[in-house]
C-alpha cells in the first residue's frame, strides 16, 4: 500500500452516491458498473446538491470527480445542476469504484448469509468475498488515485461509494489500519457528504439512506 499522502492544498468533498435498485432490493452491489438510482436515490442527490450549494454557492471553483459507475455519475449530474456546473467537465476514474465482491456480487444478502454466515461486521464493514477484493487492495488503488491527482487545484468533489469512500477517507486522515489491514473510517448513509481539509474530516450533509454498503 502506498504511504499516506501529505494533506492536499484545498478541500475535498467526499460523497456517497444515492440509493440504487440493488440497495433497495438488499443485493450485494460491489463493483457492478450500472445499478440505477431509485426515486429515493434521486431525492438524496437533490439534498446533497442543496447542501453543497448552501456551502459553496453557485458556480464554485470545484474540480468534479466520480467513479466510473452509472450510480455515481447519476448522482453527480443532480449535484452539478444545483451548483450550476457542467456535468461534462467531470473526470472519472475506476479507482474510485466500490469493493469488488467476486462471485457474491449481485446476489441477495440473505442468500449469501444463509451460505456463509454474516457478511457485515459490527462496524458495518463488508466481509471480503473469497474471490473478491480485499481492503489493502482498495487502500492501494485509492492511494494511487490520491497521489496522481494531488496537483488538482483548489476544492474538489468526489462522488464514490460506501466501502471505498470509508477506506479513502481513512487514508486521507491517516487513520490506523483496522481489522482488515487497511485504514477505514466509520460509514455513512447513502447521500452523505463529508469534507476533508488538511487531513481532518467534518460532516457537510448526513444522507437519508439506510444501506450499510
Foldseek 3Di string as FASTA:
>chain_A
DDAQDFFFAAKEKEAEAFAFPCLVQQAAAFQPQETAHDPRRLVLLLVLLVLVCVVQNAPHPAAEEEENHPRLLVSVVNNCVSNVHDSVRHYYDNLLAGWFQPPRHGGHQVVVCVPPNHQADPLLDGNHHPPTDALVVNLVSLSVVCVVCSPPPHYYYYYYHFFSSQQNLQSLLVADQDPRGGGGDGTAFHSWIWMAGSSDIDGRDGTDHDRSD
